[in-house]
Amino acid sequence: METGRLLIQPPVETVALVFDLTGFGLANMDYNLVQFLVKCFEAYYPESLGAILVHNAPLVFWGVWKVIEPWLDPVVASKIKFTYKNQELLEFIPAEHLPDTFKDAGLDKFVYTYIPPVEGENAAMEDQEKKAQVVKEWDELSGKFDEATRVWIKSGGDVSEEREKLGKDLKSQYYKMQPYIRAKNQYQRLNNAGKSVIQPDGTAVWTYHN
């Protein structure tokens, strides 16, 4: 979810997850992991989940589902959709954005390749002085944004140019602060072509191979 939130771009605010259960068996079931995921969706990332697509669930899964379903908040449960035929995925995801492993539905010929860490890529996290500076700037902007939000609420929700500007400044400051507080992930590393999916300014650049 944390990586997913880095990948989504305004005005999109929610993540869609696909669980392809082709070949699933009871040996694959980890209830502790599922409980943790449920807690993430409900407590740590409220309203960040757009949909969960459980695809091609075999008969044995339905016994597992009877255990899982009572754990779910009704709001989260309402976002879980079950699909079986690949074509059903197209109700939620455009064909050009689905990998062609889904055959008659997906068009993207993307092949996943893990990009390993590079020595020194997180060196900025050792710079405590710079980290303190950018975090302080973030805190000051957050305080201004909170105050502007209170004024905005009292006004009845009228358009607030100041609040919108502060929101953009906060986003910019977050990505300025990120190298000092968060290790790089797979999508921030450069591939063989010298490109990354997530750019330093937070924008995501996807390359499809349709």
N, C-alpha and C. Protein backbone atom coordinates (compact mmCIF):
# COMPACT_ATOMS: atom_id res chain seq x y z
N MET A 1 0.83 -1.20 0.00
CA MET A 1 0.00 0.00 0.00
C MET A 1 0.87 1.25 0.00
N GLU A 2 1.97 1.19 0.74
CA GLU A 2 2.84 2.37 0.80
C GLU A 2 3.43 2.67 -0.57
N THR A 3 3.88 1.63 -1.26
CA THR A 3 4.41 1.82 -2.61
C THR A 3 3.30 2.23 -3.57
N GLY A 4 2.14 1.63 -3.41
CA GLY A 4 1.00 1.98 -4.25
C GLY A 4 0.64 3.44 -4.14
N ARG A 5 0.71 3.98 -2.92
CA ARG A 5 0.38 5.39 -2.72
C ARG A 5 1.40 6.30 -3.40
N LEU A 6 2.65 5.83 -3.49
CA LEU A 6 3.67 6.62 -4.19
C LEU A 6 3.43 6.62 -5.70
N LEU A 7 2.79 5.56 -6.19
CA LEU A 7 2.61 5.41 -7.62
C LEU A 7 1.40 6.17 -8.17
N ILE A 8 0.36 6.32 -7.35
CA ILE A 8 -0.84 6.98 -7.86
C ILE A 8 -0.59 8.48 -8.04
N GLN A 9 -1.25 9.05 -9.04
CA GLN A 9 -1.05 10.45 -9.39
C GLN A 9 -2.38 11.20 -9.33
N PRO A 10 -2.36 12.46 -8.86
CA PRO A 10 -3.59 13.26 -8.83
C PRO A 10 -4.21 13.31 -10.21
N PRO A 11 -5.55 13.28 -10.31
CA PRO A 11 -6.52 13.33 -9.22
C PRO A 11 -6.86 11.97 -8.62
N VAL A 12 -6.18 10.90 -9.06
CA VAL A 12 -6.44 9.57 -8.50
C VAL A 12 -5.92 9.51 -7.07
N GLU A 13 -6.72 8.96 -6.16
CA GLU A 13 -6.33 8.91 -4.75
C GLU A 13 -6.41 7.51 -4.16
N THR A 14 -6.86 6.53 -4.95
CA THR A 14 -7.02 5.19 -4.41
C THR A 14 -6.28 4.15 -5.25
N VAL A 15 -5.99 3.02 -4.61
CA VAL A 15 -5.23 1.94 -5.22
C VAL A 15 -6.14 0.76 -5.53
N ALA A 16 -5.92 0.12 -6.66
CA ALA A 16 -6.62 -1.12 -6.99
C ALA A 16 -5.61 -2.27 -6.94
N LEU A 17 -5.95 -3.33 -6.22
CA LEU A 17 -5.07 -4.49 -6.08
C LEU A 17 -5.70 -5.70 -6.74
N VAL A 18 -4.90 -6.46 -7.46
CA VAL A 18 -5.37 -7.69 -8.09
C VAL A 18 -4.67 -8.87 -7.44
N PHE A 19 -5.45 -9.79 -6.87
CA PHE A 19 -4.92 -11.03 -6.32
C PHE A 19 -5.29 -12.15 -7.29
N ASP A 20 -4.31 -12.59 -8.08
CA ASP A 20 -4.55 -13.68 -9.03
C ASP A 20 -4.36 -15.01 -8.30
N LEU A 21 -5.45 -15.72 -8.06
CA LEU A 21 -5.40 -16.96 -7.28
C LEU A 21 -5.31 -18.20 -8.16
N THR A 22 -4.88 -18.04 -9.39
CA THR A 22 -4.66 -19.19 -10.25
C THR A 22 -3.65 -20.14 -9.60
N GLY A 23 -4.03 -21.40 -9.43
CA GLY A 23 -3.13 -22.37 -8.80
C GLY A 23 -3.11 -22.32 -7.29
N PHE A 24 -4.00 -21.53 -6.69
CA PHE A 24 -4.04 -21.40 -5.23
C PHE A 24 -4.42 -22.73 -4.57
N GLY A 25 -3.74 -23.04 -3.45
CA GLY A 25 -4.06 -24.21 -2.63
C GLY A 25 -3.94 -23.84 -1.17
N LEU A 26 -4.41 -24.68 -0.28
CA LEU A 26 -4.36 -24.38 1.15
C LEU A 26 -2.94 -24.17 1.65
N ALA A 27 -1.97 -24.78 0.98
CA ALA A 27 -0.57 -24.60 1.38
C ALA A 27 -0.11 -23.15 1.18
N ASN A 28 -0.83 -22.40 0.33
CA ASN A 28 -0.48 -21.01 0.07
C ASN A 28 -1.11 -20.04 1.07
N MET A 29 -2.00 -20.53 1.91
CA MET A 29 -2.79 -19.64 2.78
C MET A 29 -2.01 -19.26 4.03
N ASP A 30 -1.94 -17.95 4.27
CA ASP A 30 -1.28 -17.41 5.47
C ASP A 30 -2.27 -16.46 6.15
N TYR A 31 -2.96 -16.97 7.17
CA TYR A 31 -4.00 -16.17 7.82
C TYR A 31 -3.43 -14.94 8.53
N ASN A 32 -2.23 -15.07 9.10
CA ASN A 32 -1.63 -13.92 9.79
C ASN A 32 -1.38 -12.78 8.81
N LEU A 33 -0.93 -13.13 7.61
CA LEU A 33 -0.69 -12.10 6.60
C LEU A 33 -2.00 -11.42 6.21
N VAL A 34 -3.05 -12.20 6.04
CA VAL A 34 -4.34 -11.63 5.65
C VAL A 34 -4.86 -10.70 6.74
N GLN A 35 -4.70 -11.10 8.01
CA GLN A 35 -5.14 -10.23 9.11
C GLN A 35 -4.37 -8.92 9.10
N PHE A 36 -3.07 -8.99 8.80
CA PHE A 36 -2.26 -7.78 8.73
C PHE A 36 -2.73 -6.88 7.59
N LEU A 37 -3.02 -7.49 6.43
CA LEU A 37 -3.50 -6.70 5.29
C LEU A 37 -4.82 -6.00 5.61
N VAL A 38 -5.71 -6.74 6.27
CA VAL A 38 -7.01 -6.16 6.65
C VAL A 38 -6.80 -4.96 7.56
N LYS A 39 -5.88 -5.10 8.53
CA LYS A 39 -5.59 -4.00 9.45
C LYS A 39 -5.01 -2.80 8.70
N CYS A 40 -4.15 -3.07 7.71
CA CYS A 40 -3.58 -1.99 6.91
C CYS A 40 -4.67 -1.19 6.21
N PHE A 41 -5.59 -1.92 5.56
CA PHE A 41 -6.65 -1.25 4.80
C PHE A 41 -7.55 -0.44 5.71
N GLU A 42 -7.86 -0.96 6.90
CA GLU A 42 -8.84 -0.33 7.78
C GLU A 42 -8.25 0.76 8.67
N ALA A 43 -7.03 0.53 9.19
CA ALA A 43 -6.48 1.42 10.20
C ALA A 43 -5.38 2.34 9.69
N TYR A 44 -4.48 1.81 8.87
CA TYR A 44 -3.32 2.59 8.45
C TYR A 44 -3.54 3.37 7.16
N TYR A 45 -4.37 2.85 6.28
CA TYR A 45 -4.60 3.51 4.99
C TYR A 45 -6.10 3.66 4.70
N PRO A 46 -6.83 4.29 5.61
CA PRO A 46 -8.27 4.44 5.36
C PRO A 46 -8.53 5.26 4.11
N GLU A 47 -9.49 4.78 3.34
CA GLU A 47 -9.91 5.45 2.10
C GLU A 47 -8.83 5.48 1.02
N SER A 48 -7.75 4.70 1.19
CA SER A 48 -6.74 4.62 0.15
C SER A 48 -7.00 3.46 -0.80
N LEU A 49 -7.89 2.57 -0.40
CA LEU A 49 -8.19 1.39 -1.20
C LEU A 49 -9.38 1.64 -2.10
N GLY A 50 -9.17 1.48 -3.41
CA GLY A 50 -10.27 1.64 -4.35
C GLY A 50 -11.01 0.34 -4.58
N ALA A 51 -10.25 -0.73 -4.84
CA ALA A 51 -10.87 -2.03 -5.10
C ALA A 51 -9.84 -3.13 -4.93
N ILE A 52 -10.32 -4.30 -4.51
CA ILE A 52 -9.52 -5.52 -4.51
C ILE A 52 -10.20 -6.50 -5.46
N LEU A 53 -9.47 -6.93 -6.46
CA LEU A 53 -10.00 -7.90 -7.41
C LEU A 53 -9.40 -9.26 -7.10
N VAL A 54 -10.24 -10.18 -6.63
CA VAL A 54 -9.81 -11.55 -6.35
C VAL A 54 -10.14 -12.36 -7.60
N HIS A 55 -9.09 -12.73 -8.34
CA HIS A 55 -9.29 -13.31 -9.67
C HIS A 55 -9.05 -14.82 -9.68
N ASN A 56 -9.98 -15.52 -10.29
CA ASN A 56 -9.84 -16.95 -10.56
C ASN A 56 -9.66 -17.77 -9.28
N ALA A 57 -10.48 -17.46 -8.27
CA ALA A 57 -10.41 -18.20 -7.00
C ALA A 57 -10.94 -19.63 -7.19
N PRO A 58 -10.17 -20.66 -6.80
CA PRO A 58 -10.65 -22.04 -6.94
C PRO A 58 -11.66 -22.38 -5.85
N LEU A 59 -12.29 -23.52 -5.98
CA LEU A 59 -13.34 -23.93 -5.04
C LEU A 59 -12.82 -23.98 -3.61
N VAL A 60 -11.58 -24.41 -3.42
CA VAL A 60 -11.04 -24.56 -2.07
C VAL A 60 -10.94 -23.20 -1.36
N PHE A 61 -10.88 -22.12 -2.13
CA PHE A 61 -10.75 -20.79 -1.52
C PHE A 61 -11.98 -20.40 -0.72
N TRP A 62 -13.16 -20.93 -1.10
CA TRP A 62 -14.38 -20.45 -0.46
C TRP A 62 -14.46 -20.87 1.00
N GLY A 63 -13.79 -21.97 1.37
CA GLY A 63 -13.70 -22.31 2.78
C GLY A 63 -12.84 -21.29 3.53
N VAL A 64 -11.78 -20.84 2.88
CA VAL A 64 -10.91 -19.80 3.45
C VAL A 64 -11.67 -18.48 3.57
N TRP A 65 -12.47 -18.17 2.54
CA TRP A 65 -13.20 -16.91 2.54
C TRP A 65 -14.18 -16.81 3.70
N LYS A 66 -14.77 -17.93 4.10
CA LYS A 66 -15.71 -17.93 5.22
C LYS A 66 -15.02 -17.53 6.52
N VAL A 67 -13.72 -17.82 6.61
CA VAL A 67 -12.94 -17.41 7.79
C VAL A 67 -12.59 -15.93 7.71
N ILE A 68 -12.22 -15.47 6.51
CA ILE A 68 -11.74 -14.09 6.33
C ILE A 68 -12.87 -13.06 6.39
N GLU A 69 -14.00 -13.37 5.79
CA GLU A 69 -15.06 -12.38 5.62
C GLU A 69 -15.50 -11.71 6.93
N PRO A 70 -15.65 -12.44 8.06
CA PRO A 70 -16.07 -11.78 9.30
C PRO A 70 -15.05 -10.78 9.85
N TRP A 71 -13.79 -10.87 9.41
CA TRP A 71 -12.78 -9.94 9.88
C TRP A 71 -12.92 -8.57 9.24
N LEU A 72 -13.63 -8.49 8.13
CA LEU A 72 -13.64 -7.29 7.31
C LEU A 72 -14.64 -6.25 7.77
N ASP A 73 -14.20 -5.01 7.76
CA ASP A 73 -15.11 -3.88 7.93
C ASP A 73 -16.04 -3.85 6.71
N PRO A 74 -17.32 -3.56 6.90
CA PRO A 74 -18.26 -3.55 5.76
C PRO A 74 -17.82 -2.68 4.60
N VAL A 75 -17.16 -1.56 4.90
CA VAL A 75 -16.70 -0.67 3.83
C VAL A 75 -15.63 -1.36 2.99
N VAL A 76 -14.67 -2.02 3.66
CA VAL A 76 -13.62 -2.74 2.95
C VAL A 76 -14.22 -3.91 2.17
N ALA A 77 -15.13 -4.64 2.82
CA ALA A 77 -15.76 -5.79 2.17
C ALA A 77 -16.47 -5.39 0.88
N SER A 78 -17.07 -4.20 0.88
CA SER A 78 -17.82 -3.75 -0.31
C SER A 78 -16.91 -3.47 -1.50
N LYS A 79 -15.59 -3.33 -1.24
CA LYS A 79 -14.64 -3.02 -2.30
C LYS A 79 -14.00 -4.27 -2.90
N ILE A 80 -14.34 -5.44 -2.36
CA ILE A 80 -13.78 -6.69 -2.86
C ILE A 80 -14.69 -7.26 -3.95
N LYS A 81 -14.11 -7.48 -5.11
CA LYS A 81 -14.85 -8.02 -6.25
C LYS A 81 -14.20 -9.34 -6.68
N PHE A 82 -15.02 -10.30 -7.08
CA PHE A 82 -14.53 -11.59 -7.54
C PHE A 82 -14.69 -11.69 -9.05
N THR A 83 -13.61 -12.05 -9.73
CA THR A 83 -13.64 -12.24 -11.18
C THR A 83 -13.11 -13.63 -11.51
N TYR A 84 -13.59 -14.17 -12.61
CA TYR A 84 -13.18 -15.52 -13.02
C TYR A 84 -12.61 -15.52 -14.43
N LYS A 85 -13.38 -15.07 -15.37
CA LYS A 85 -12.88 -14.97 -16.74
C LYS A 85 -12.01 -13.72 -16.86
N ASN A 86 -10.95 -13.84 -17.65
CA ASN A 86 -10.07 -12.70 -17.83
C ASN A 86 -10.80 -11.46 -18.33
N GLN A 87 -11.80 -11.67 -19.17
CA GLN A 87 -12.56 -10.56 -19.73
C GLN A 87 -13.26 -9.75 -18.63
N GLU A 88 -13.58 -10.39 -17.51
CA GLU A 88 -14.27 -9.69 -16.43
C GLU A 88 -13.37 -8.62 -15.80
N LEU A 89 -12.06 -8.78 -15.91
CA LEU A 89 -11.14 -7.78 -15.38
C LEU A 89 -11.28 -6.45 -16.10
N LEU A 90 -11.75 -6.52 -17.35
CA LEU A 90 -11.88 -5.30 -18.16
C LEU A 90 -12.97 -4.38 -17.64
N GLU A 91 -13.83 -4.88 -16.76
CA GLU A 91 -14.83 -4.01 -16.15
C GLU A 91 -14.19 -3.03 -15.18
N PHE A 92 -12.96 -3.34 -14.75
CA PHE A 92 -12.29 -2.52 -13.75
C PHE A 92 -10.98 -1.92 -14.25
N ILE A 93 -10.30 -2.61 -15.16
CA ILE A 93 -8.97 -2.18 -15.61
C ILE A 93 -8.92 -2.21 -17.14
N PRO A 94 -8.47 -1.12 -17.80
CA PRO A 94 -8.37 -1.12 -19.26
C PRO A 94 -7.40 -2.19 -19.75
N ALA A 95 -7.68 -2.78 -20.89
CA ALA A 95 -6.86 -3.87 -21.43
C ALA A 95 -5.40 -3.46 -21.59
N GLU A 96 -5.17 -2.20 -22.00
CA GLU A 96 -3.79 -1.76 -22.23
C GLU A 96 -2.98 -1.66 -20.94
N HIS A 97 -3.67 -1.70 -19.79
CA HIS A 97 -2.96 -1.63 -18.51
C HIS A 97 -2.83 -2.99 -17.84
N LEU A 98 -3.34 -4.03 -18.48
CA LEU A 98 -3.25 -5.39 -17.93
C LEU A 98 -2.13 -6.15 -18.64
N PRO A 99 -1.33 -6.91 -17.90
CA PRO A 99 -0.29 -7.72 -18.56
C PRO A 99 -0.91 -8.79 -19.44
N ASP A 100 -0.21 -9.15 -20.52
CA ASP A 100 -0.77 -10.11 -21.46
C ASP A 100 -0.76 -11.54 -20.92
N THR A 101 -0.32 -11.73 -19.67
CA THR A 101 -0.46 -13.03 -19.02
C THR A 101 -1.93 -13.37 -18.84
N PHE A 102 -2.79 -12.34 -18.90
CA PHE A 102 -4.23 -12.57 -18.84
C PHE A 102 -4.81 -12.85 -20.24
N LYS A 103 -3.91 -13.13 -21.17
CA LYS A 103 -4.23 -13.61 -22.52
C LYS A 103 -5.29 -12.80 -23.24
N ASP A 104 -6.52 -13.26 -23.28
CA ASP A 104 -7.53 -12.61 -24.10
C ASP A 104 -7.97 -11.26 -23.56
N ALA A 105 -7.44 -10.83 -22.41
CA ALA A 105 -7.83 -9.53 -21.84
C ALA A 105 -6.68 -8.53 -21.83
N GLY A 106 -5.48 -8.97 -21.41
CA GLY A 106 -4.37 -8.04 -21.27
C GLY A 106 -3.58 -7.82 -22.54
N LEU A 107 -3.05 -6.61 -22.70
CA LEU A 107 -2.29 -6.26 -23.89
C LEU A 107 -0.83 -5.92 -23.59
N ASP A 108 -0.53 -5.57 -22.33
CA ASP A 108 0.80 -5.10 -21.99
C ASP A 108 1.79 -6.27 -21.92
N LYS A 109 2.86 -6.20 -22.71
CA LYS A 109 3.86 -7.27 -22.76
C LYS A 109 5.00 -7.05 -21.76
N PHE A 110 4.73 -6.25 -20.76
CA PHE A 110 5.71 -5.97 -19.72
C PHE A 110 6.17 -7.27 -19.04
N VAL A 111 7.48 -7.39 -18.84
CA VAL A 111 8.05 -8.53 -18.12
C VAL A 111 8.74 -8.00 -16.87
N TYR A 112 8.32 -8.46 -15.72
CA TYR A 112 8.87 -7.95 -14.47
C TYR A 112 10.35 -8.32 -14.33
N THR A 113 11.15 -7.33 -13.96
CA THR A 113 12.57 -7.54 -13.68
C THR A 113 12.91 -6.81 -12.40
N TYR A 114 13.48 -7.53 -11.45
CA TYR A 114 13.84 -6.89 -10.18
C TYR A 114 15.09 -6.06 -10.37
N ILE A 115 15.05 -4.82 -9.92
CA ILE A 115 16.22 -3.93 -9.97
C ILE A 115 16.84 -3.90 -8.58
N PRO A 116 18.02 -4.46 -8.40
CA PRO A 116 18.62 -4.56 -7.06
C PRO A 116 19.09 -3.20 -6.53
N PRO A 117 19.24 -3.09 -5.23
CA PRO A 117 19.73 -1.84 -4.63
C PRO A 117 21.13 -1.51 -5.13
N VAL A 118 21.44 -0.23 -5.14
CA VAL A 118 22.77 0.25 -5.52
C VAL A 118 23.46 0.76 -4.27
N GLU A 119 24.72 0.40 -4.12
CA GLU A 119 25.46 0.82 -2.93
C GLU A 119 25.43 2.35 -2.80
N GLY A 120 25.05 2.81 -1.62
CA GLY A 120 25.03 4.25 -1.35
C GLY A 120 23.76 4.96 -1.76
N GLU A 121 22.75 4.23 -2.27
CA GLU A 121 21.55 4.90 -2.76
C GLU A 121 20.75 5.57 -1.64
N ASN A 122 20.97 5.14 -0.41
CA ASN A 122 20.24 5.74 0.72
C ASN A 122 21.17 6.52 1.65
N ALA A 123 22.28 7.00 1.12
CA ALA A 123 23.26 7.72 1.93
C ALA A 123 22.68 8.97 2.58
N ALA A 124 21.70 9.58 1.92
CA ALA A 124 21.11 10.82 2.46
C ALA A 124 20.46 10.59 3.82
N MET A 125 20.05 9.36 4.10
CA MET A 125 19.39 9.07 5.37
C MET A 125 20.36 9.19 6.55
N GLU A 126 21.66 9.21 6.26
CA GLU A 126 22.66 9.36 7.32
C GLU A 126 22.90 10.83 7.68
N ASP A 127 22.42 11.74 6.84
CA ASP A 127 22.65 13.17 7.06
C ASP A 127 21.58 13.71 8.01
N GLN A 128 21.83 13.61 9.30
CA GLN A 128 20.84 14.00 10.31
C GLN A 128 20.59 15.51 10.33
N GLU A 129 21.60 16.28 10.03
CA GLU A 129 21.44 17.75 10.04
C GLU A 129 20.47 18.18 8.94
N LYS A 130 20.69 17.68 7.73
CA LYS A 130 19.81 18.03 6.61
C LYS A 130 18.41 17.48 6.84
N LYS A 131 18.33 16.26 7.40
CA LYS A 131 17.03 15.66 7.69
C LYS A 131 16.24 16.55 8.65
N ALA A 132 16.89 17.02 9.71
CA ALA A 132 16.22 17.89 10.68
C ALA A 132 15.71 19.16 10.03
N GLN A 133 16.48 19.69 9.08
CA GLN A 133 16.09 20.93 8.40
C GLN A 133 14.84 20.72 7.55
N VAL A 134 14.84 19.67 6.72
CA VAL A 134 13.70 19.47 5.81
C VAL A 134 12.46 19.03 6.58
N VAL A 135 12.64 18.30 7.68
CA VAL A 135 11.49 17.90 8.50
C VAL A 135 10.89 19.12 9.19
N LYS A 136 11.75 20.03 9.65
CA LYS A 136 11.27 21.27 10.27
C LYS A 136 10.46 22.08 9.27
N GLU A 137 10.94 22.18 8.03
CA GLU A 137 10.22 22.91 6.99
C GLU A 137 8.86 22.25 6.72
N TRP A 138 8.84 20.91 6.73
CA TRP A 138 7.59 20.16 6.55
C TRP A 138 6.61 20.47 7.67
N ASP A 139 7.11 20.45 8.91
CA ASP A 139 6.25 20.71 10.06
C ASP A 139 5.65 22.12 10.01
N GLU A 140 6.46 23.10 9.60
CA GLU A 140 5.97 24.47 9.52
C GLU A 140 4.89 24.59 8.45
N LEU A 141 5.10 23.96 7.30
CA LEU A 141 4.09 23.98 6.25
C LEU A 141 2.82 23.25 6.68
N SER A 142 2.99 22.16 7.41
CA SER A 142 1.83 21.40 7.89
C SER A 142 0.97 22.25 8.82
N GLY A 143 1.65 23.02 9.70
CA GLY A 143 0.92 23.89 10.62
C GLY A 143 0.14 24.95 9.86
N LYS A 144 0.74 25.53 8.84
CA LYS A 144 0.06 26.54 8.03
C LYS A 144 -1.13 25.93 7.27
N PHE A 145 -0.93 24.71 6.78
CA PHE A 145 -2.00 24.04 6.04
C PHE A 145 -3.17 23.71 6.97
N ASP A 146 -2.86 23.26 8.19
CA ASP A 146 -3.92 22.98 9.18
C ASP A 146 -4.73 24.22 9.48
N GLU A 147 -4.04 25.34 9.67
CA GLU A 147 -4.73 26.59 9.99
C GLU A 147 -5.59 27.04 8.80
N ALA A 148 -5.04 26.93 7.59
CA ALA A 148 -5.80 27.31 6.40
C ALA A 148 -7.02 26.41 6.22
N THR A 149 -6.89 25.15 6.63
CA THR A 149 -8.01 24.21 6.54
C THR A 149 -9.12 24.60 7.52
N ARG A 150 -8.74 25.02 8.72
CA ARG A 150 -9.75 25.46 9.70
C ARG A 150 -10.52 26.67 9.17
N VAL A 151 -9.79 27.61 8.57
CA VAL A 151 -10.44 28.79 8.00
C VAL A 151 -11.36 28.37 6.86
N TRP A 152 -10.90 27.44 6.04
CA TRP A 152 -11.67 26.94 4.90
C TRP A 152 -12.96 26.27 5.36
N ILE A 153 -12.89 25.49 6.42
CA ILE A 153 -14.08 24.82 6.96
C ILE A 153 -15.09 25.84 7.47
N LYS A 154 -14.60 26.85 8.20
CA LYS A 154 -15.48 27.87 8.75
C LYS A 154 -16.15 28.69 7.65
N SER A 155 -15.48 28.78 6.51
CA SER A 155 -16.04 29.57 5.40
C SER A 155 -17.13 28.81 4.65
N GLY A 156 -17.32 27.54 5.03
CA GLY A 156 -18.33 26.73 4.35
C GLY A 156 -17.80 25.96 3.16
N GLY A 157 -16.47 25.88 3.07
CA GLY A 157 -15.88 25.09 1.98
C GLY A 157 -15.70 25.86 0.69
N ASP A 158 -15.67 27.20 0.77
CA ASP A 158 -15.41 27.99 -0.43
C ASP A 158 -13.99 27.73 -0.93
N VAL A 159 -13.76 27.99 -2.21
CA VAL A 159 -12.44 27.79 -2.79
C VAL A 159 -11.41 28.65 -2.05
N SER A 160 -10.32 28.01 -1.62
CA SER A 160 -9.27 28.73 -0.92
C SER A 160 -7.97 28.60 -1.69
N GLU A 161 -7.58 29.69 -2.37
CA GLU A 161 -6.34 29.65 -3.15
C GLU A 161 -5.13 29.45 -2.25
N GLU A 162 -5.18 30.04 -1.06
CA GLU A 162 -4.06 29.89 -0.12
C GLU A 162 -3.89 28.43 0.29
N ARG A 163 -5.01 27.77 0.60
CA ARG A 163 -4.96 26.38 1.03
C ARG A 163 -4.48 25.48 -0.11
N GLU A 164 -4.94 25.74 -1.33
CA GLU A 164 -4.51 24.95 -2.47
C GLU A 164 -3.02 25.11 -2.73
N LYS A 165 -2.52 26.35 -2.58
CA LYS A 165 -1.09 26.59 -2.77
C LYS A 165 -0.28 25.86 -1.70
N LEU A 166 -0.76 25.93 -0.45
CA LEU A 166 -0.05 25.26 0.64
C LEU A 166 -0.05 23.74 0.44
N GLY A 167 -1.15 23.22 -0.11
CA GLY A 167 -1.21 21.79 -0.39
C GLY A 167 -0.16 21.37 -1.41
N LYS A 168 0.01 22.19 -2.44
CA LYS A 168 1.03 21.91 -3.46
C LYS A 168 2.43 22.04 -2.86
N ASP A 169 2.61 23.05 -1.99
CA ASP A 169 3.91 23.23 -1.35
C ASP A 169 4.23 22.04 -0.44
N LEU A 170 3.21 21.52 0.25
CA LEU A 170 3.41 20.36 1.11
C LEU A 170 3.85 19.15 0.30
N LYS A 171 3.20 18.93 -0.82
CA LYS A 171 3.56 17.79 -1.67
C LYS A 171 5.01 17.93 -2.15
N SER A 172 5.37 19.13 -2.59
CA SER A 172 6.72 19.37 -3.06
C SER A 172 7.73 19.14 -1.93
N GLN A 173 7.39 19.61 -0.74
CA GLN A 173 8.28 19.46 0.40
C GLN A 173 8.43 18.00 0.81
N TYR A 174 7.35 17.23 0.65
CA TYR A 174 7.41 15.81 1.00
C TYR A 174 8.47 15.10 0.15
N TYR A 175 8.48 15.37 -1.16
CA TYR A 175 9.45 14.71 -2.03
C TYR A 175 10.85 15.25 -1.82
N LYS A 176 10.94 16.48 -1.35
CA LYS A 176 12.25 17.04 -0.98
C LYS A 176 12.76 16.33 0.28
N MET A 177 11.85 15.98 1.17
CA MET A 177 12.19 15.34 2.44
C MET A 177 12.43 13.83 2.28
N GLN A 178 11.82 13.22 1.25
CA GLN A 178 11.78 11.77 1.12
C GLN A 178 13.15 11.08 1.16
N PRO A 179 14.20 11.59 0.48
CA PRO A 179 15.49 10.89 0.50
C PRO A 179 16.09 10.76 1.89
N TYR A 180 15.63 11.61 2.83
CA TYR A 180 16.19 11.61 4.17
C TYR A 180 15.39 10.75 5.15
N ILE A 181 14.19 10.30 4.74
CA ILE A 181 13.33 9.56 5.67
C ILE A 181 12.88 8.20 5.13
N ARG A 182 13.10 7.94 3.84
CA ARG A 182 12.59 6.70 3.25
C ARG A 182 13.62 6.09 2.29
N ALA A 183 13.87 4.80 2.45
CA ALA A 183 14.77 4.11 1.54
C ALA A 183 14.13 3.99 0.16
N LYS A 184 14.95 3.97 -0.87
CA LYS A 184 14.44 3.84 -2.23
C LYS A 184 13.81 2.47 -2.44
N ASN A 185 12.79 2.43 -3.28
CA ASN A 185 12.19 1.14 -3.62
C ASN A 185 12.46 0.82 -5.09
N GLN A 186 11.97 -0.33 -5.51
CA GLN A 186 12.17 -0.85 -6.86
C GLN A 186 11.84 0.16 -7.95
N TYR A 187 10.78 0.95 -7.72
CA TYR A 187 10.29 1.84 -8.77
C TYR A 187 11.02 3.18 -8.81
N GLN A 188 11.91 3.41 -7.84
CA GLN A 188 12.70 4.64 -7.83
C GLN A 188 14.12 4.41 -8.36
N ARG A 189 14.48 3.16 -8.60
CA ARG A 189 15.80 2.84 -9.12
C ARG A 189 15.80 2.91 -10.64
N LEU A 190 16.97 3.18 -11.20
CA LEU A 190 17.10 3.29 -12.65
C LEU A 190 17.22 1.91 -13.28
N ASN A 191 16.51 1.72 -14.39
CA ASN A 191 16.61 0.44 -15.11
C ASN A 191 17.78 0.49 -16.08
N ASN A 192 17.89 -0.53 -16.93
CA ASN A 192 19.02 -0.59 -17.87
C ASN A 192 19.02 0.57 -18.86
N ALA A 193 17.85 1.16 -19.06
CA ALA A 193 17.75 2.30 -19.97
C ALA A 193 17.99 3.63 -19.25
N GLY A 194 18.32 3.55 -17.97
CA GLY A 194 18.58 4.76 -17.20
C GLY A 194 17.33 5.52 -16.79
N LYS A 195 16.19 4.81 -16.74
CA LYS A 195 14.92 5.45 -16.39
C LYS A 195 14.32 4.79 -15.16
N SER A 196 13.53 5.55 -14.43
CA SER A 196 12.80 5.02 -13.28
C SER A 196 11.32 5.32 -13.45
N VAL A 197 10.49 4.56 -12.77
CA VAL A 197 9.04 4.80 -12.83
C VAL A 197 8.69 6.02 -12.00
N ILE A 198 9.17 6.08 -10.75
CA ILE A 198 8.90 7.23 -9.87
C ILE A 198 10.04 8.22 -10.00
N GLN A 199 9.70 9.45 -10.37
CA GLN A 199 10.69 10.51 -10.55
C GLN A 199 10.98 11.21 -9.22
N PRO A 200 12.11 11.93 -9.12
CA PRO A 200 12.45 12.64 -7.88
C PRO A 200 11.37 13.61 -7.40
N ASP A 201 10.58 14.16 -8.35
CA ASP A 201 9.53 15.11 -7.96
C ASP A 201 8.22 14.42 -7.59
N GLY A 202 8.22 13.07 -7.59
CA GLY A 202 7.03 12.33 -7.18
C GLY A 202 6.12 11.89 -8.31
N THR A 203 6.36 12.40 -9.52
CA THR A 203 5.53 11.97 -10.65
C THR A 203 5.91 10.54 -11.05
N ALA A 204 4.96 9.81 -11.58
CA ALA A 204 5.20 8.44 -12.03
C ALA A 204 5.07 8.38 -13.54
N VAL A 205 6.06 7.80 -14.19
CA VAL A 205 6.07 7.68 -15.64
C VAL A 205 6.04 6.20 -15.99
N TRP A 206 4.91 5.74 -16.52
CA TRP A 206 4.73 4.34 -16.88
C TRP A 206 5.06 4.11 -18.34
N THR A 207 5.68 2.98 -18.63
CA THR A 207 5.92 2.60 -20.01
C THR A 207 5.19 1.29 -20.27
N TYR A 208 4.25 1.33 -21.20
CA TYR A 208 3.50 0.12 -21.55
C TYR A 208 4.06 -0.45 -22.85
N HIS A 209 3.92 -1.76 -23.01
CA HIS A 209 4.48 -2.44 -24.18
C HIS A 209 3.35 -3.17 -24.91
N ASN A 210 2.37 -2.40 -25.38
CA ASN A 210 1.22 -3.00 -26.02
C ASN A 210 1.49 -3.29 -27.50
